[in-house]
Each structure stands twice: as C-alpha cells, then as structure tokens.
Amino acid sequence: EINFIYMIFFLPLLFIFPALSLFKNHY
C-alpha cells in the first residue's frame, strides 16, 4: 500500500511522454 502511494508521485515523469507526443510538432 505504501509503495503504491509513493509511486503516484512519479506520475509527472510518466506524463512527459504523452506531452512530447502531444506537442511533437511544437518544439
């Protein structure tokens, strides 16, 4: 349970990939 809560705070790093894909034509 603790590990799952802690890993939630790593989500901003995971969101980088969708952000790069979303703005792939806007450097």
mmCIF file of all heavy atoms, coordinates in Angstrom:
data_MODEL
# 
_entry.id   MODEL 
# 
loop_
_atom_site.group_PDB 
_atom_site.id 
_atom_site.type_symbol 
_atom_site.label_atom_id 
_atom_site.label_alt_id 
_atom_site.label_comp_id 
_atom_site.label_asym_id 
_atom_site.label_entity_id 
_atom_site.label_seq_id 
_atom_site.pdbx_PDB_ins_code 
_atom_site.Cartn_x 
_atom_site.Cartn_y 
_atom_site.Cartn_z 
_atom_site.occupancy 
_atom_site.B_iso_or_equiv 
_atom_site.pdbx_formal_charge 
_atom_site.auth_seq_id 
_atom_site.auth_comp_id 
_atom_site.auth_asym_id 
_atom_site.auth_atom_id 
_atom_site.pdbx_PDB_model_num 
ATOM 1   N N   . GLU A 1 1  ? 0.830  -1.211 0.000   1.00 0.00 ? 1  GLU A N   1 
ATOM 2   C CA  . GLU A 1 1  ? 0.000  0.000  0.000   1.00 0.00 ? 1  GLU A CA  1 
ATOM 3   C C   . GLU A 1 1  ? 0.863  1.260  0.000   1.00 0.00 ? 1  GLU A C   1 
ATOM 4   O O   . GLU A 1 1  ? 0.600  2.212  -0.762  1.00 0.00 ? 1  GLU A O   1 
ATOM 5   C CB  . GLU A 1 1  ? -0.913 -0.012 1.235   1.00 0.00 ? 1  GLU A CB  1 
ATOM 6   C CG  . GLU A 1 1  ? -1.831 1.196  1.342   1.00 0.00 ? 1  GLU A CG  1 
ATOM 7   C CD  . GLU A 1 1  ? -2.672 1.175  2.609   1.00 0.00 ? 1  GLU A CD  1 
ATOM 8   O OE1 . GLU A 1 1  ? -2.651 0.160  3.335   1.00 0.00 ? 1  GLU A OE1 1 
ATOM 9   O OE2 . GLU A 1 1  ? -3.350 2.191  2.869   1.00 0.00 ? 1  GLU A OE2 1 
ATOM 10  N N   . ILE A 1 2  ? 1.904  1.272  0.828   1.00 0.00 ? 2  ILE A N   1 
ATOM 11  C CA  . ILE A 1 2  ? 2.788  2.439  0.914   1.00 0.00 ? 2  ILE A CA  1 
ATOM 12  C C   . ILE A 1 2  ? 3.512  2.658  -0.405  1.00 0.00 ? 2  ILE A C   1 
ATOM 13  O O   . ILE A 1 2  ? 3.633  3.793  -0.890  1.00 0.00 ? 2  ILE A O   1 
ATOM 14  C CB  . ILE A 1 2  ? 3.806  2.249  2.057   1.00 0.00 ? 2  ILE A CB  1 
ATOM 15  C CG1 . ILE A 1 2  ? 3.088  2.200  3.407   1.00 0.00 ? 2  ILE A CG1 1 
ATOM 16  C CG2 . ILE A 1 2  ? 4.836  3.380  2.054   1.00 0.00 ? 2  ILE A CG2 1 
ATOM 17  C CD1 . ILE A 1 2  ? 3.943  1.665  4.531   1.00 0.00 ? 2  ILE A CD1 1 
ATOM 18  N N   . ASN A 1 3  ? 4.005  1.572  -0.994  1.00 0.00 ? 3  ASN A N   1 
ATOM 19  C CA  . ASN A 1 3  ? 4.720  1.681  -2.263  1.00 0.00 ? 3  ASN A CA  1 
ATOM 20  C C   . ASN A 1 3  ? 3.813  2.262  -3.348  1.00 0.00 ? 3  ASN A C   1 
ATOM 21  O O   . ASN A 1 3  ? 4.228  3.120  -4.131  1.00 0.00 ? 3  ASN A O   1 
ATOM 22  C CB  . ASN A 1 3  ? 5.233  0.316  -2.693  1.00 0.00 ? 3  ASN A CB  1 
ATOM 23  C CG  . ASN A 1 3  ? 6.278  0.404  -3.786  1.00 0.00 ? 3  ASN A CG  1 
ATOM 24  O OD1 . ASN A 1 3  ? 7.474  0.338  -3.519  1.00 0.00 ? 3  ASN A OD1 1 
ATOM 25  N ND2 . ASN A 1 3  ? 5.845  0.551  -5.035  1.00 0.00 ? 3  ASN A ND2 1 
ATOM 26  N N   . PHE A 1 4  ? 2.562  1.812  -3.374  1.00 0.00 ? 4  PHE A N   1 
ATOM 27  C CA  . PHE A 1 4  ? 1.620  2.303  -4.384  1.00 0.00 ? 4  PHE A CA  1 
ATOM 28  C C   . PHE A 1 4  ? 1.379  3.809  -4.211  1.00 0.00 ? 4  PHE A C   1 
ATOM 29  O O   . PHE A 1 4  ? 1.364  4.561  -5.191  1.00 0.00 ? 4  PHE A O   1 
ATOM 30  C CB  . PHE A 1 4  ? 0.300  1.543  -4.282  1.00 0.00 ? 4  PHE A CB  1 
ATOM 31  C CG  . PHE A 1 4  ? -0.687 1.913  -5.350  1.00 0.00 ? 4  PHE A CG  1 
ATOM 32  C CD1 . PHE A 1 4  ? -0.555 1.425  -6.635  1.00 0.00 ? 4  PHE A CD1 1 
ATOM 33  C CD2 . PHE A 1 4  ? -1.743 2.766  -5.063  1.00 0.00 ? 4  PHE A CD2 1 
ATOM 34  C CE1 . PHE A 1 4  ? -1.457 1.770  -7.628  1.00 0.00 ? 4  PHE A CE1 1 
ATOM 35  C CE2 . PHE A 1 4  ? -2.650 3.125  -6.044  1.00 0.00 ? 4  PHE A CE2 1 
ATOM 36  C CZ  . PHE A 1 4  ? -2.514 2.620  -7.330  1.00 0.00 ? 4  PHE A CZ  1 
ATOM 37  N N   . ILE A 1 5  ? 1.217  4.250  -2.962  1.00 0.00 ? 5  ILE A N   1 
ATOM 38  C CA  . ILE A 1 5  ? 1.021  5.683  -2.701  1.00 0.00 ? 5  ILE A CA  1 
ATOM 39  C C   . ILE A 1 5  ? 2.242  6.473  -3.145  1.00 0.00 ? 5  ILE A C   1 
ATOM 40  O O   . ILE A 1 5  ? 2.138  7.521  -3.796  1.00 0.00 ? 5  ILE A O   1 
ATOM 41  C CB  . ILE A 1 5  ? 0.746  5.931  -1.203  1.00 0.00 ? 5  ILE A CB  1 
ATOM 42  C CG1 . ILE A 1 5  ? -0.552 5.241  -0.775  1.00 0.00 ? 5  ILE A CG1 1 
ATOM 43  C CG2 . ILE A 1 5  ? 0.671  7.427  -0.906  1.00 0.00 ? 5  ILE A CG2 1 
ATOM 44  C CD1 . ILE A 1 5  ? -0.782 5.252  0.726   1.00 0.00 ? 5  ILE A CD1 1 
ATOM 45  N N   . TYR A 1 6  ? 3.421  5.961  -2.810  1.00 0.00 ? 6  TYR A N   1 
ATOM 46  C CA  . TYR A 1 6  ? 4.667  6.658  -3.136  1.00 0.00 ? 6  TYR A CA  1 
ATOM 47  C C   . TYR A 1 6  ? 4.865  6.780  -4.646  1.00 0.00 ? 6  TYR A C   1 
ATOM 48  O O   . TYR A 1 6  ? 5.300  7.827  -5.140  1.00 0.00 ? 6  TYR A O   1 
ATOM 49  C CB  . TYR A 1 6  ? 5.836  5.904  -2.504  1.00 0.00 ? 6  TYR A CB  1 
ATOM 50  C CG  . TYR A 1 6  ? 7.177  6.574  -2.653  1.00 0.00 ? 6  TYR A CG  1 
ATOM 51  C CD1 . TYR A 1 6  ? 7.461  7.766  -1.990  1.00 0.00 ? 6  TYR A CD1 1 
ATOM 52  C CD2 . TYR A 1 6  ? 8.179  6.012  -3.455  1.00 0.00 ? 6  TYR A CD2 1 
ATOM 53  C CE1 . TYR A 1 6  ? 8.695  8.374  -2.117  1.00 0.00 ? 6  TYR A CE1 1 
ATOM 54  C CE2 . TYR A 1 6  ? 9.411  6.616  -3.583  1.00 0.00 ? 6  TYR A CE2 1 
ATOM 55  C CZ  . TYR A 1 6  ? 9.672  7.793  -2.916  1.00 0.00 ? 6  TYR A CZ  1 
ATOM 56  O OH  . TYR A 1 6  ? 10.904 8.399  -3.048  1.00 0.00 ? 6  TYR A OH  1 
ATOM 57  N N   . MET A 1 7  ? 4.529  5.724  -5.377  1.00 0.00 ? 7  MET A N   1 
ATOM 58  C CA  . MET A 1 7  ? 4.759  5.741  -6.817  1.00 0.00 ? 7  MET A CA  1 
ATOM 59  C C   . MET A 1 7  ? 3.832  6.700  -7.547  1.00 0.00 ? 7  MET A C   1 
ATOM 60  O O   . MET A 1 7  ? 4.110  7.095  -8.681  1.00 0.00 ? 7  MET A O   1 
ATOM 61  C CB  . MET A 1 7  ? 4.592  4.331  -7.393  1.00 0.00 ? 7  MET A CB  1 
ATOM 62  C CG  . MET A 1 7  ? 5.632  3.324  -6.917  1.00 0.00 ? 7  MET A CG  1 
ATOM 63  S SD  . MET A 1 7  ? 7.345  3.899  -7.075  1.00 0.00 ? 7  MET A SD  1 
ATOM 64  C CE  . MET A 1 7  ? 7.500  4.046  -8.853  1.00 0.00 ? 7  MET A CE  1 
ATOM 65  N N   . ILE A 1 8  ? 2.742  7.105  -6.896  1.00 0.00 ? 8  ILE A N   1 
ATOM 66  C CA  . ILE A 1 8  ? 1.856  8.106  -7.505  1.00 0.00 ? 8  ILE A CA  1 
ATOM 67  C C   . ILE A 1 8  ? 2.624  9.400  -7.784  1.00 0.00 ? 8  ILE A C   1 
ATOM 68  O O   . ILE A 1 8  ? 2.357  10.102 -8.768  1.00 0.00 ? 8  ILE A O   1 
ATOM 69  C CB  . ILE A 1 8  ? 0.641  8.375  -6.590  1.00 0.00 ? 8  ILE A CB  1 
ATOM 70  C CG1 . ILE A 1 8  ? -0.275 7.134  -6.562  1.00 0.00 ? 8  ILE A CG1 1 
ATOM 71  C CG2 . ILE A 1 8  ? -0.143 9.601  -7.051  1.00 0.00 ? 8  ILE A CG2 1 
ATOM 72  C CD1 . ILE A 1 8  ? -1.426 7.247  -5.588  1.00 0.00 ? 8  ILE A CD1 1 
ATOM 73  N N   . PHE A 1 9  ? 3.607  9.695  -6.933  1.00 0.00 ? 9  PHE A N   1 
ATOM 74  C CA  . PHE A 1 9  ? 4.366  10.939 -7.080  1.00 0.00 ? 9  PHE A CA  1 
ATOM 75  C C   . PHE A 1 9  ? 5.384  10.866 -8.219  1.00 0.00 ? 9  PHE A C   1 
ATOM 76  O O   . PHE A 1 9  ? 6.063  11.856 -8.497  1.00 0.00 ? 9  PHE A O   1 
ATOM 77  C CB  . PHE A 1 9  ? 5.053  11.283 -5.749  1.00 0.00 ? 9  PHE A CB  1 
ATOM 78  C CG  . PHE A 1 9  ? 4.078  11.645 -4.670  1.00 0.00 ? 9  PHE A CG  1 
ATOM 79  C CD1 . PHE A 1 9  ? 3.542  10.673 -3.847  1.00 0.00 ? 9  PHE A CD1 1 
ATOM 80  C CD2 . PHE A 1 9  ? 3.668  12.951 -4.493  1.00 0.00 ? 9  PHE A CD2 1 
ATOM 81  C CE1 . PHE A 1 9  ? 2.622  10.988 -2.851  1.00 0.00 ? 9  PHE A CE1 1 
ATOM 82  C CE2 . PHE A 1 9  ? 2.751  13.287 -3.509  1.00 0.00 ? 9  PHE A CE2 1 
ATOM 83  C CZ  . PHE A 1 9  ? 2.220  12.305 -2.689  1.00 0.00 ? 9  PHE A CZ  1 
ATOM 84  N N   . PHE A 1 10 ? 5.498  9.706  -8.874  1.00 0.00 ? 10 PHE A N   1 
ATOM 85  C CA  . PHE A 1 10 ? 6.343  9.580  -10.062 1.00 0.00 ? 10 PHE A CA  1 
ATOM 86  C C   . PHE A 1 10 ? 5.550  9.811  -11.345 1.00 0.00 ? 10 PHE A C   1 
ATOM 87  O O   . PHE A 1 10 ? 6.133  9.799  -12.436 1.00 0.00 ? 10 PHE A O   1 
ATOM 88  C CB  . PHE A 1 10 ? 6.991  8.188  -10.105 1.00 0.00 ? 10 PHE A CB  1 
ATOM 89  C CG  . PHE A 1 10 ? 8.157  8.034  -9.182  1.00 0.00 ? 10 PHE A CG  1 
ATOM 90  C CD1 . PHE A 1 10 ? 7.968  7.820  -7.827  1.00 0.00 ? 10 PHE A CD1 1 
ATOM 91  C CD2 . PHE A 1 10 ? 9.461  8.118  -9.654  1.00 0.00 ? 10 PHE A CD2 1 
ATOM 92  C CE1 . PHE A 1 10 ? 9.039  7.667  -6.967  1.00 0.00 ? 10 PHE A CE1 1 
ATOM 93  C CE2 . PHE A 1 10 ? 10.550 7.978  -8.802  1.00 0.00 ? 10 PHE A CE2 1 
ATOM 94  C CZ  . PHE A 1 10 ? 10.339 7.748  -7.452  1.00 0.00 ? 10 PHE A CZ  1 
ATOM 95  N N   . LEU A 1 11 ? 4.244  10.023 -11.217 1.00 0.00 ? 11 LEU A N   1 
ATOM 96  C CA  . LEU A 1 11 ? 3.412  10.222 -12.407 1.00 0.00 ? 11 LEU A CA  1 
ATOM 97  C C   . LEU A 1 11 ? 3.847  11.408 -13.267 1.00 0.00 ? 11 LEU A C   1 
ATOM 98  O O   . LEU A 1 11 ? 3.755  11.335 -14.505 1.00 0.00 ? 11 LEU A O   1 
ATOM 99  C CB  . LEU A 1 11 ? 1.944  10.369 -12.000 1.00 0.00 ? 11 LEU A CB  1 
ATOM 100 C CG  . LEU A 1 11 ? 1.264  9.089  -11.512 1.00 0.00 ? 11 LEU A CG  1 
ATOM 101 C CD1 . LEU A 1 11 ? -0.177 9.371  -11.101 1.00 0.00 ? 11 LEU A CD1 1 
ATOM 102 C CD2 . LEU A 1 11 ? 1.296  8.009  -12.592 1.00 0.00 ? 11 LEU A CD2 1 
ATOM 103 N N   . PRO A 1 12 ? 4.321  12.541 -12.663 1.00 0.00 ? 12 PRO A N   1 
ATOM 104 C CA  . PRO A 1 12 ? 4.779  13.636 -13.543 1.00 0.00 ? 12 PRO A CA  1 
ATOM 105 C C   . PRO A 1 12 ? 5.852  13.207 -14.540 1.00 0.00 ? 12 PRO A C   1 
ATOM 106 O O   . PRO A 1 12 ? 5.872  13.705 -15.672 1.00 0.00 ? 12 PRO A O   1 
ATOM 107 C CB  . PRO A 1 12 ? 5.329  14.662 -12.536 1.00 0.00 ? 12 PRO A CB  1 
ATOM 108 C CG  . PRO A 1 12 ? 4.531  14.439 -11.295 1.00 0.00 ? 12 PRO A CG  1 
ATOM 109 C CD  . PRO A 1 12 ? 4.313  12.946 -11.249 1.00 0.00 ? 12 PRO A CD  1 
ATOM 110 N N   . LEU A 1 13 ? 6.717  12.268 -14.144 1.00 0.00 ? 13 LEU A N   1 
ATOM 111 C CA  . LEU A 1 13 ? 7.736  11.787 -15.079 1.00 0.00 ? 13 LEU A CA  1 
ATOM 112 C C   . LEU A 1 13 ? 7.102  10.977 -16.203 1.00 0.00 ? 13 LEU A C   1 
ATOM 113 O O   . LEU A 1 13 ? 7.539  11.060 -17.362 1.00 0.00 ? 13 LEU A O   1 
ATOM 114 C CB  . LEU A 1 13 ? 8.772  10.937 -14.338 1.00 0.00 ? 13 LEU A CB  1 
ATOM 115 C CG  . LEU A 1 13 ? 9.633  11.659 -13.295 1.00 0.00 ? 13 LEU A CG  1 
ATOM 116 C CD1 . LEU A 1 13 ? 10.640 10.697 -12.694 1.00 0.00 ? 13 LEU A CD1 1 
ATOM 117 C CD2 . LEU A 1 13 ? 10.351 12.865 -13.902 1.00 0.00 ? 13 LEU A CD2 1 
ATOM 118 N N   . LEU A 1 14 ? 6.077  10.188 -15.880 1.00 0.00 ? 14 LEU A N   1 
ATOM 119 C CA  . LEU A 1 14 ? 5.403  9.393  -16.910 1.00 0.00 ? 14 LEU A CA  1 
ATOM 120 C C   . LEU A 1 14 ? 4.628  10.274 -17.880 1.00 0.00 ? 14 LEU A C   1 
ATOM 121 O O   . LEU A 1 14 ? 4.482  9.948  -19.059 1.00 0.00 ? 14 LEU A O   1 
ATOM 122 C CB  . LEU A 1 14 ? 4.458  8.372  -16.257 1.00 0.00 ? 14 LEU A CB  1 
ATOM 123 C CG  . LEU A 1 14 ? 5.117  7.264  -15.443 1.00 0.00 ? 14 LEU A CG  1 
ATOM 124 C CD1 . LEU A 1 14 ? 4.062  6.334  -14.868 1.00 0.00 ? 14 LEU A CD1 1 
ATOM 125 C CD2 . LEU A 1 14 ? 6.111  6.475  -16.289 1.00 0.00 ? 14 LEU A CD2 1 
ATOM 126 N N   . PHE A 1 15 ? 4.128  11.402 -17.376 1.00 0.00 ? 15 PHE A N   1 
ATOM 127 C CA  . PHE A 1 15 ? 3.340  12.300 -18.232 1.00 0.00 ? 15 PHE A CA  1 
ATOM 128 C C   . PHE A 1 15 ? 4.217  13.023 -19.265 1.00 0.00 ? 15 PHE A C   1 
ATOM 129 O O   . PHE A 1 15 ? 3.691  13.652 -20.188 1.00 0.00 ? 15 PHE A O   1 
ATOM 130 C CB  . PHE A 1 15 ? 2.607  13.340 -17.384 1.00 0.00 ? 15 PHE A CB  1 
ATOM 131 C CG  . PHE A 1 15 ? 1.453  12.759 -16.599 1.00 0.00 ? 15 PHE A CG  1 
ATOM 132 C CD1 . PHE A 1 15 ? 1.048  13.343 -15.407 1.00 0.00 ? 15 PHE A CD1 1 
ATOM 133 C CD2 . PHE A 1 15 ? 0.788  11.636 -17.046 1.00 0.00 ? 15 PHE A CD2 1 
ATOM 134 C CE1 . PHE A 1 15 ? -0.018 12.815 -14.680 1.00 0.00 ? 15 PHE A CE1 1 
ATOM 135 C CE2 . PHE A 1 15 ? -0.260 11.096 -16.335 1.00 0.00 ? 15 PHE A CE2 1 
ATOM 136 C CZ  . PHE A 1 15 ? -0.671 11.689 -15.154 1.00 0.00 ? 15 PHE A CZ  1 
ATOM 137 N N   . ILE A 1 16 ? 5.534  12.947 -19.102 1.00 0.00 ? 16 ILE A N   1 
ATOM 138 C CA  . ILE A 1 16 ? 6.421  13.597 -20.073 1.00 0.00 ? 16 ILE A CA  1 
ATOM 139 C C   . ILE A 1 16 ? 6.248  12.995 -21.465 1.00 0.00 ? 16 ILE A C   1 
ATOM 140 O O   . ILE A 1 16 ? 6.218  13.715 -22.470 1.00 0.00 ? 16 ILE A O   1 
ATOM 141 C CB  . ILE A 1 16 ? 7.893  13.480 -19.610 1.00 0.00 ? 16 ILE A CB  1 
ATOM 142 C CG1 . ILE A 1 16 ? 8.117  14.330 -18.363 1.00 0.00 ? 16 ILE A CG1 1 
ATOM 143 C CG2 . ILE A 1 16 ? 8.840  13.928 -20.723 1.00 0.00 ? 16 ILE A CG2 1 
ATOM 144 C CD1 . ILE A 1 16 ? 9.507  14.187 -17.775 1.00 0.00 ? 16 ILE A CD1 1 
ATOM 145 N N   . PHE A 1 17 ? 6.100  11.675 -21.532 1.00 0.00 ? 17 PHE A N   1 
ATOM 146 C CA  . PHE A 1 17 ? 5.989  11.007 -22.839 1.00 0.00 ? 17 PHE A CA  1 
ATOM 147 C C   . PHE A 1 17 ? 4.717  11.406 -23.584 1.00 0.00 ? 17 PHE A C   1 
ATOM 148 O O   . PHE A 1 17 ? 4.771  11.726 -24.784 1.00 0.00 ? 17 PHE A O   1 
ATOM 149 C CB  . PHE A 1 17 ? 6.079  9.495  -22.648 1.00 0.00 ? 17 PHE A CB  1 
ATOM 150 C CG  . PHE A 1 17 ? 7.377  9.050  -22.021 1.00 0.00 ? 17 PHE A CG  1 
ATOM 151 C CD1 . PHE A 1 17 ? 7.428  8.710  -20.675 1.00 0.00 ? 17 PHE A CD1 1 
ATOM 152 C CD2 . PHE A 1 17 ? 8.539  9.014  -22.767 1.00 0.00 ? 17 PHE A CD2 1 
ATOM 153 C CE1 . PHE A 1 17 ? 8.624  8.311  -20.097 1.00 0.00 ? 17 PHE A CE1 1 
ATOM 154 C CE2 . PHE A 1 17 ? 9.735  8.621  -22.204 1.00 0.00 ? 17 PHE A CE2 1 
ATOM 155 C CZ  . PHE A 1 17 ? 9.783  8.274  -20.856 1.00 0.00 ? 17 PHE A CZ  1 
ATOM 156 N N   . PRO A 1 18 ? 3.545  11.430 -22.919 1.00 0.00 ? 18 PRO A N   1 
ATOM 157 C CA  . PRO A 1 18 ? 2.357  11.938 -23.621 1.00 0.00 ? 18 PRO A CA  1 
ATOM 158 C C   . PRO A 1 18 ? 2.498  13.399 -24.020 1.00 0.00 ? 18 PRO A C   1 
ATOM 159 O O   . PRO A 1 18 ? 2.004  13.805 -25.092 1.00 0.00 ? 18 PRO A O   1 
ATOM 160 C CB  . PRO A 1 18 ? 1.232  11.763 -22.595 1.00 0.00 ? 18 PRO A CB  1 
ATOM 161 C CG  . PRO A 1 18 ? 1.712  10.681 -21.683 1.00 0.00 ? 18 PRO A CG  1 
ATOM 162 C CD  . PRO A 1 18 ? 3.193  10.857 -21.605 1.00 0.00 ? 18 PRO A CD  1 
ATOM 163 N N   . ALA A 1 19 ? 3.192  14.193 -23.175 1.00 0.00 ? 19 ALA A N   1 
ATOM 164 C CA  . ALA A 1 19 ? 3.370  15.613 -23.503 1.00 0.00 ? 19 ALA A CA  1 
ATOM 165 C C   . ALA A 1 19 ? 4.232  15.775 -24.752 1.00 0.00 ? 19 ALA A C   1 
ATOM 166 O O   . ALA A 1 19 ? 3.928  16.597 -25.633 1.00 0.00 ? 19 ALA A O   1 
ATOM 167 C CB  . ALA A 1 19 ? 4.007  16.343 -22.323 1.00 0.00 ? 19 ALA A CB  1 
ATOM 168 N N   . LEU A 1 20 ? 5.302  14.987 -24.843 1.00 0.00 ? 20 LEU A N   1 
ATOM 169 C CA  . LEU A 1 20 ? 6.167  15.059 -26.030 1.00 0.00 ? 20 LEU A CA  1 
ATOM 170 C C   . LEU A 1 20 ? 5.416  14.619 -27.283 1.00 0.00 ? 20 LEU A C   1 
ATOM 171 O O   . LEU A 1 20 ? 5.610  15.171 -28.371 1.00 0.00 ? 20 LEU A O   1 
ATOM 172 C CB  . LEU A 1 20 ? 7.410  14.194 -25.820 1.00 0.00 ? 20 LEU A CB  1 
ATOM 173 C CG  . LEU A 1 20 ? 8.405  14.678 -24.765 1.00 0.00 ? 20 LEU A CG  1 
ATOM 174 C CD1 . LEU A 1 20 ? 9.520  13.657 -24.576 1.00 0.00 ? 20 LEU A CD1 1 
ATOM 175 C CD2 . LEU A 1 20 ? 8.982  16.040 -25.149 1.00 0.00 ? 20 LEU A CD2 1 
ATOM 176 N N   . SER A 1 21 ? 4.562  13.614 -27.112 1.00 0.00 ? 21 SER A N   1 
ATOM 177 C CA  . SER A 1 21 ? 3.770  13.138 -28.252 1.00 0.00 ? 21 SER A CA  1 
ATOM 178 C C   . SER A 1 21 ? 2.730  14.173 -28.663 1.00 0.00 ? 21 SER A C   1 
ATOM 179 O O   . SER A 1 21 ? 2.490  14.386 -29.865 1.00 0.00 ? 21 SER A O   1 
ATOM 180 C CB  . SER A 1 21 ? 3.090  11.818 -27.885 1.00 0.00 ? 21 SER A CB  1 
ATOM 181 O OG  . SER A 1 21 ? 2.268  11.365 -28.935 1.00 0.00 ? 21 SER A OG  1 
ATOM 182 N N   . LEU A 1 22 ? 2.123  14.815 -27.669 1.00 0.00 ? 22 LEU A N   1 
ATOM 183 C CA  . LEU A 1 22 ? 1.077  15.804 -27.948 1.00 0.00 ? 22 LEU A CA  1 
ATOM 184 C C   . LEU A 1 22 ? 1.633  17.024 -28.679 1.00 0.00 ? 22 LEU A C   1 
ATOM 185 O O   . LEU A 1 22 ? 0.996  17.576 -29.587 1.00 0.00 ? 22 LEU A O   1 
ATOM 186 C CB  . LEU A 1 22 ? 0.412  16.224 -26.635 1.00 0.00 ? 22 LEU A CB  1 
ATOM 187 C CG  . LEU A 1 22 ? -0.704 17.262 -26.723 1.00 0.00 ? 22 LEU A CG  1 
ATOM 188 C CD1 . LEU A 1 22 ? -1.893 16.702 -27.512 1.00 0.00 ? 22 LEU A CD1 1 
ATOM 189 C CD2 . LEU A 1 22 ? -1.162 17.677 -25.316 1.00 0.00 ? 22 LEU A CD2 1 
ATOM 190 N N   . PHE A 1 23 ? 2.844  17.448 -28.264 1.00 0.00 ? 23 PHE A N   1 
ATOM 191 C CA  . PHE A 1 23 ? 3.446  18.654 -28.858 1.00 0.00 ? 23 PHE A CA  1 
ATOM 192 C C   . PHE A 1 23 ? 4.628  18.308 -29.768 1.00 0.00 ? 23 PHE A C   1 
ATOM 193 O O   . PHE A 1 23 ? 5.608  19.051 -29.826 1.00 0.00 ? 23 PHE A O   1 
ATOM 194 C CB  . PHE A 1 23 ? 3.927  19.595 -27.741 1.00 0.00 ? 23 PHE A CB  1 
ATOM 195 C CG  . PHE A 1 23 ? 2.844  20.066 -26.822 1.00 0.00 ? 23 PHE A CG  1 
ATOM 196 C CD1 . PHE A 1 23 ? 2.798  19.638 -25.501 1.00 0.00 ? 23 PHE A CD1 1 
ATOM 197 C CD2 . PHE A 1 23 ? 1.853  20.931 -27.273 1.00 0.00 ? 23 PHE A CD2 1 
ATOM 198 C CE1 . PHE A 1 23 ? 1.803  20.074 -24.644 1.00 0.00 ? 23 PHE A CE1 1 
ATOM 199 C CE2 . PHE A 1 23 ? 0.853  21.373 -26.415 1.00 0.00 ? 23 PHE A CE2 1 
ATOM 200 C CZ  . PHE A 1 23 ? 0.821  20.934 -25.096 1.00 0.00 ? 23 PHE A CZ  1 
ATOM 201 N N   . LYS A 1 24 ? 4.523  17.180 -30.470 1.00 0.00 ? 24 LYS A N   1 
ATOM 202 C CA  . LYS A 1 24 ? 5.652  16.731 -31.294 1.00 0.00 ? 24 LYS A CA  1 
ATOM 203 C C   . LYS A 1 24 ? 5.977  17.707 -32.423 1.00 0.00 ? 24 LYS A C   1 
ATOM 204 O O   . LYS A 1 24 ? 7.106  17.741 -32.923 1.00 0.00 ? 24 LYS A O   1 
ATOM 205 C CB  . LYS A 1 24 ? 5.370  15.338 -31.854 1.00 0.00 ? 24 LYS A CB  1 
ATOM 206 C CG  . LYS A 1 24 ? 4.135  15.247 -32.738 1.00 0.00 ? 24 LYS A CG  1 
ATOM 207 C CD  . LYS A 1 24 ? 3.919  13.811 -33.190 1.00 0.00 ? 24 LYS A CD  1 
ATOM 208 C CE  . LYS A 1 24 ? 2.661  13.680 -34.052 1.00 0.00 ? 24 LYS A CE  1 
ATOM 209 N NZ  . LYS A 1 24 ? 2.441  12.273 -34.478 1.00 0.00 ? 24 LYS A NZ  1 
ATOM 210 N N   . ASN A 1 25 ? 5.009  18.504 -32.836 1.00 0.00 ? 25 ASN A N   1 
ATOM 211 C CA  . ASN A 1 25 ? 5.252  19.489 -33.900 1.00 0.00 ? 25 ASN A CA  1 
ATOM 212 C C   . ASN A 1 25 ? 5.517  20.882 -33.353 1.00 0.00 ? 25 ASN A C   1 
ATOM 213 O O   . ASN A 1 25 ? 5.644  21.837 -34.115 1.00 0.00 ? 25 ASN A O   1 
ATOM 214 C CB  . ASN A 1 25 ? 4.054  19.534 -34.854 1.00 0.00 ? 25 ASN A CB  1 
ATOM 215 C CG  . ASN A 1 25 ? 3.852  18.206 -35.570 1.00 0.00 ? 25 ASN A CG  1 
ATOM 216 O OD1 . ASN A 1 25 ? 4.824  17.529 -35.925 1.00 0.00 ? 25 ASN A OD1 1 
ATOM 217 N ND2 . ASN A 1 25 ? 2.596  17.824 -35.770 1.00 0.00 ? 25 ASN A ND2 1 
ATOM 218 N N   . HIS A 1 26 ? 5.584  20.995 -32.011 1.00 0.00 ? 26 HIS A N   1 
ATOM 219 C CA  . HIS A 1 26 ? 5.834  22.298 -31.385 1.00 0.00 ? 26 HIS A CA  1 
ATOM 220 C C   . HIS A 1 26 ? 6.966  22.109 -30.367 1.00 0.00 ? 26 HIS A C   1 
ATOM 221 O O   . HIS A 1 26 ? 6.731  21.731 -29.220 1.00 0.00 ? 26 HIS A O   1 
ATOM 222 C CB  . HIS A 1 26 ? 4.576  22.833 -30.695 1.00 0.00 ? 26 HIS A CB  1 
ATOM 223 C CG  . HIS A 1 26 ? 3.407  22.993 -31.615 1.00 0.00 ? 26 HIS A CG  1 
ATOM 224 N ND1 . HIS A 1 26 ? 2.586  21.941 -31.964 1.00 0.00 ? 26 HIS A ND1 1 
ATOM 225 C CD2 . HIS A 1 26 ? 2.936  24.094 -32.278 1.00 0.00 ? 26 HIS A CD2 1 
ATOM 226 C CE1 . HIS A 1 26 ? 1.638  22.382 -32.779 1.00 0.00 ? 26 HIS A CE1 1 
ATOM 227 N NE2 . HIS A 1 26 ? 1.834  23.677 -32.992 1.00 0.00 ? 26 HIS A NE2 1 
ATOM 228 N N   . TYR A 1 27 ? 8.191  22.355 -30.814 1.00 0.00 ? 27 TYR A N   1 
ATOM 229 C CA  . TYR A 1 27 ? 9.386  22.059 -30.008 1.00 0.00 ? 27 TYR A CA  1 
ATOM 230 C C   . TYR A 1 27 ? 9.360  22.784 -28.660 1.00 0.00 ? 27 TYR A C   1 
ATOM 231 O O   . TYR A 1 27 ? 9.573  22.174 -27.599 1.00 0.00 ? 27 TYR A O   1 
ATOM 232 C CB  . TYR A 1 27 ? 10.630 22.447 -30.791 1.00 0.00 ? 27 TYR A CB  1 
ATOM 233 C CG  . TYR A 1 27 ? 11.908 22.272 -29.996 1.00 0.00 ? 27 TYR A CG  1 
ATOM 234 C CD1 . TYR A 1 27 ? 12.485 21.012 -29.838 1.00 0.00 ? 27 TYR A CD1 1 
ATOM 235 C CD2 . TYR A 1 27 ? 12.524 23.374 -29.401 1.00 0.00 ? 27 TYR A CD2 1 
ATOM 236 C CE1 . TYR A 1 27 ? 13.652 20.853 -29.102 1.00 0.00 ? 27 TYR A CE1 1 
ATOM 237 C CE2 . TYR A 1 27 ? 13.691 23.224 -28.668 1.00 0.00 ? 27 TYR A CE2 1 
ATOM 238 C CZ  . TYR A 1 27 ? 14.249 21.959 -28.515 1.00 0.00 ? 27 TYR A CZ  1 
ATOM 239 O OH  . TYR A 1 27 ? 15.394 21.808 -27.777 1.00 0.00 ? 27 TYR A OH  1 
# 
